[in-house]
Amino acid sequence: MGKTKKVGSTGRFGARYGSTIRKRVRQIEEKSKAVYKCPVCSVKTLKREGLGIWECSKCGEKLAGGAWEPNTSAGRSITRRVTRIAEGLKEEF
């Protein structure tokens, strides 16, 4: 069984497990196998090495991130809050 346009990498499951679960698996696999932009060298060479471990093949930097993406939505919101608090502290001094 090969990939098809509609089901992608989950074509290997055939008609088993239900369509919703297969769609979820497809989304997770696409996110985890994608190549992302490295925050250190700004080149699109960041790949997933393991669960939550991301490595840049150009500069060799290893980063901790999300399980399927290097930056999770929760991580982005926390970064925004910390930045806002830090800016507020700078204004006080």
Protein backbone atom coordinates (compact mmCIF):
# COMPACT_ATOMS: atom_id res chain seq x y z
CA MET A 1 0.00 0.00 0.00
CA GLY A 2 1.34 3.39 -0.97
CA LYS A 3 0.42 6.94 -0.15
CA THR A 4 -2.57 8.54 -1.77
CA LYS A 5 -3.43 12.19 -2.22
CA LYS A 6 -6.32 12.17 0.24
CA VAL A 7 -5.02 10.09 3.15
CA GLY A 8 -1.28 10.72 2.84
CA SER A 9 0.96 8.67 5.10
CA THR A 10 -2.00 7.03 6.85
CA GLY A 11 -2.90 5.09 3.73
CA ARG A 12 -0.94 2.23 5.28
CA PHE A 13 -3.78 1.72 7.80
CA GLY A 14 -6.39 1.04 5.13
CA ALA A 15 -9.95 1.15 6.46
CA ARG A 16 -8.91 0.33 10.02
CA TYR A 17 -9.09 2.51 13.18
CA GLY A 18 -11.61 5.11 11.98
CA SER A 19 -11.22 8.24 9.90
CA THR A 20 -10.85 10.73 12.78
CA ILE A 21 -7.95 8.86 14.37
CA ARG A 22 -6.23 8.46 11.00
CA LYS A 23 -6.59 12.22 10.38
CA ARG A 24 -5.02 12.96 13.77
CA VAL A 25 -2.13 10.61 13.08
CA ARG A 26 -1.58 12.26 9.70
CA GLN A 27 -1.44 15.75 11.25
CA ILE A 28 1.01 14.61 13.93
CA GLU A 29 3.25 12.87 11.41
CA GLU A 30 3.29 15.88 9.10
CA LYS A 31 4.25 18.19 11.99
CA SER A 32 6.96 15.93 13.37
CA LYS A 33 8.57 15.13 10.00
CA ALA A 34 8.60 18.76 8.79
CA VAL A 35 11.75 20.89 8.72
CA TYR A 36 11.61 24.11 10.75
CA LYS A 37 13.62 27.34 10.93
CA CYS A 38 16.46 27.27 13.46
CA PRO A 39 16.18 30.12 16.01
CA VAL A 40 19.99 30.30 16.33
CA CYS A 41 21.23 30.39 12.72
CA SER A 42 17.88 31.28 11.02
CA VAL A 43 18.20 28.52 8.40
CA LYS A 44 15.45 26.02 7.69
CA THR A 45 17.38 22.98 8.97
CA LEU A 46 15.79 22.19 12.35
CA LYS A 47 14.60 18.57 12.54
CA ARG A 48 13.11 16.42 15.27
CA GLU A 49 15.62 14.06 16.83
CA GLY A 50 13.43 12.58 19.55
CA LEU A 51 10.40 13.41 21.65
CA GLY A 52 10.81 17.11 22.41
CA ILE A 53 14.42 17.22 21.16
CA TRP A 54 15.21 19.30 18.07
CA GLU A 55 18.58 19.57 16.33
CA CYS A 56 19.85 21.93 13.65
CA SER A 57 21.83 20.06 11.02
CA LYS A 58 23.73 23.23 10.03
CA CYS A 59 24.94 24.73 13.32
CA GLY A 60 24.53 21.58 15.46
CA GLU A 61 22.43 23.35 18.10
CA LYS A 62 20.15 21.10 20.16
CA LEU A 63 16.96 22.59 21.55
CA ALA A 64 14.15 21.44 23.80
CA GLY A 65 10.70 22.07 22.40
CA GLY A 66 7.32 20.52 21.93
CA ALA A 67 6.72 16.89 21.12
CA TRP A 68 5.57 17.50 17.53
CA GLU A 69 6.68 21.12 16.88
CA PRO A 70 9.66 23.06 18.18
CA ASN A 71 7.41 25.90 19.39
CA THR A 72 4.07 25.07 20.97
CA SER A 73 1.20 27.51 21.37
CA ALA A 74 1.60 27.39 25.16
CA GLY A 75 5.30 28.16 24.83
CA ARG A 76 4.61 31.13 22.56
CA SER A 77 2.08 32.61 24.98
CA ILE A 78 4.47 32.22 27.93
CA THR A 79 7.27 33.86 25.93
CA ARG A 80 4.97 36.81 25.17
CA ARG A 81 4.04 37.17 28.86
CA VAL A 82 7.66 37.02 30.03
CA THR A 83 8.65 39.61 27.41
CA ARG A 84 5.81 41.92 28.48
CA ILE A 85 6.77 41.59 32.16
CA ALA A 86 10.45 42.23 31.36
CA GLU A 87 9.55 45.37 29.41
CA GLY A 88 7.44 46.56 32.33
CA LEU A 89 10.36 46.07 34.72
CA LYS A 90 12.68 48.05 32.42
CA GLU A 91 10.27 51.01 32.44
CA GLU A 92 10.25 51.09 36.25
CA PHE A 93 14.03 51.47 36.52
